[in-house]
Protein backbone atom coordinates (compact mmCIF):
# COMPACT_ATOMS: atom_id res chain seq x y z
CA MET A 1 4.33 67.72 -28.09
CA GLU A 2 1.16 69.79 -28.06
CA LYS A 3 -1.85 68.14 -26.43
CA LEU A 4 -5.13 69.06 -28.07
CA ILE A 5 -8.56 68.30 -26.70
CA SER A 6 -9.65 65.56 -29.08
CA ASN A 7 -13.03 64.61 -27.60
CA VAL A 8 -15.25 67.20 -29.25
CA GLN A 9 -18.28 65.95 -27.30
CA ALA A 10 -16.54 66.94 -24.03
CA MET A 11 -16.39 70.58 -25.17
CA PRO A 12 -19.36 72.70 -24.17
CA LYS A 13 -21.48 74.25 -26.89
CA ASP A 14 -20.49 77.83 -27.82
CA ALA A 15 -16.97 77.57 -26.32
CA ILE A 16 -14.47 79.77 -28.15
CA GLY A 17 -11.38 78.26 -26.54
CA SER A 18 -9.64 76.96 -23.44
CA LEU A 19 -7.38 78.93 -21.07
CA ASN A 20 -5.86 77.65 -17.83
CA GLY A 21 -8.03 74.53 -18.07
CA LEU A 22 -11.32 76.43 -18.40
CA TYR A 23 -13.55 76.75 -21.44
CA TYR A 24 -14.66 80.28 -22.25
CA LYS A 25 -17.39 81.85 -24.33
CA ILE A 26 -18.46 85.41 -25.02
CA GLY A 27 -22.13 85.79 -24.27
CA LEU A 28 -24.87 88.34 -24.10
CA HIS A 29 -23.78 91.99 -24.03
CA GLY A 30 -20.12 90.99 -24.54
CA PHE A 31 -19.62 89.38 -21.13
CA SER A 32 -17.24 86.44 -20.78
CA TYR A 33 -18.38 83.15 -19.27
CA TYR A 34 -16.53 80.01 -18.18
CA TRP A 35 -17.76 76.42 -18.07
CA ASN A 36 -17.88 74.81 -14.61
CA GLY A 37 -18.77 71.37 -15.96
CA ASP A 38 -22.54 71.84 -15.72
CA SER A 39 -23.32 75.40 -16.80
CA TRP A 40 -21.82 78.70 -17.92
CA LEU A 41 -20.89 81.12 -15.12
CA LYS A 42 -20.09 84.79 -15.60
CA SER A 43 -16.36 85.45 -15.41
CA GLN A 44 -14.80 88.48 -13.77
CA THR A 45 -12.23 88.59 -16.58
CA PRO A 46 -13.26 91.08 -19.28
CA ALA A 47 -14.17 89.54 -22.64
CA VAL A 48 -11.52 91.59 -24.46
CA LEU A 49 -8.78 89.99 -22.33
CA ILE A 50 -10.10 86.48 -23.00
CA GLU A 51 -10.27 87.15 -26.74
CA ALA A 52 -6.77 88.70 -26.77
CA ALA A 53 -5.27 85.75 -24.88
CA LEU A 54 -6.91 83.23 -27.23
CA GLU A 55 -5.76 85.19 -30.26
CA LYS A 56 -2.15 84.60 -29.22
CA CYS A 57 -2.69 80.84 -28.86
CA ARG A 58 -1.74 78.64 -31.77
CA HIS A 59 -4.49 76.13 -30.95
CA LYS A 60 -7.58 77.58 -29.25
CA PHE A 61 -8.39 74.28 -27.51
CA SER A 62 -4.92 73.22 -26.37
CA LEU A 63 -4.46 71.89 -22.84
CA ASN A 64 -1.28 74.01 -22.62
CA ASN A 65 -2.94 77.42 -23.10
CA GLU A 66 -2.13 79.70 -20.17
CA VAL A 67 -2.59 83.37 -19.43
């Protein structure tokens, strides 16, 4: 059974999906950022890889999404 994140208020604003338990967004100048629980931090993973991994996921905000 697929577990989806149902508490929308727990999701940070601007998140495009969840991978490996982290929320991601694509920010200024095409950089990827992850949510640490308080703020967005720049990720070392290129934005194109984050977008490609999320594209393959059936549910963008599933707890089972892995790279």
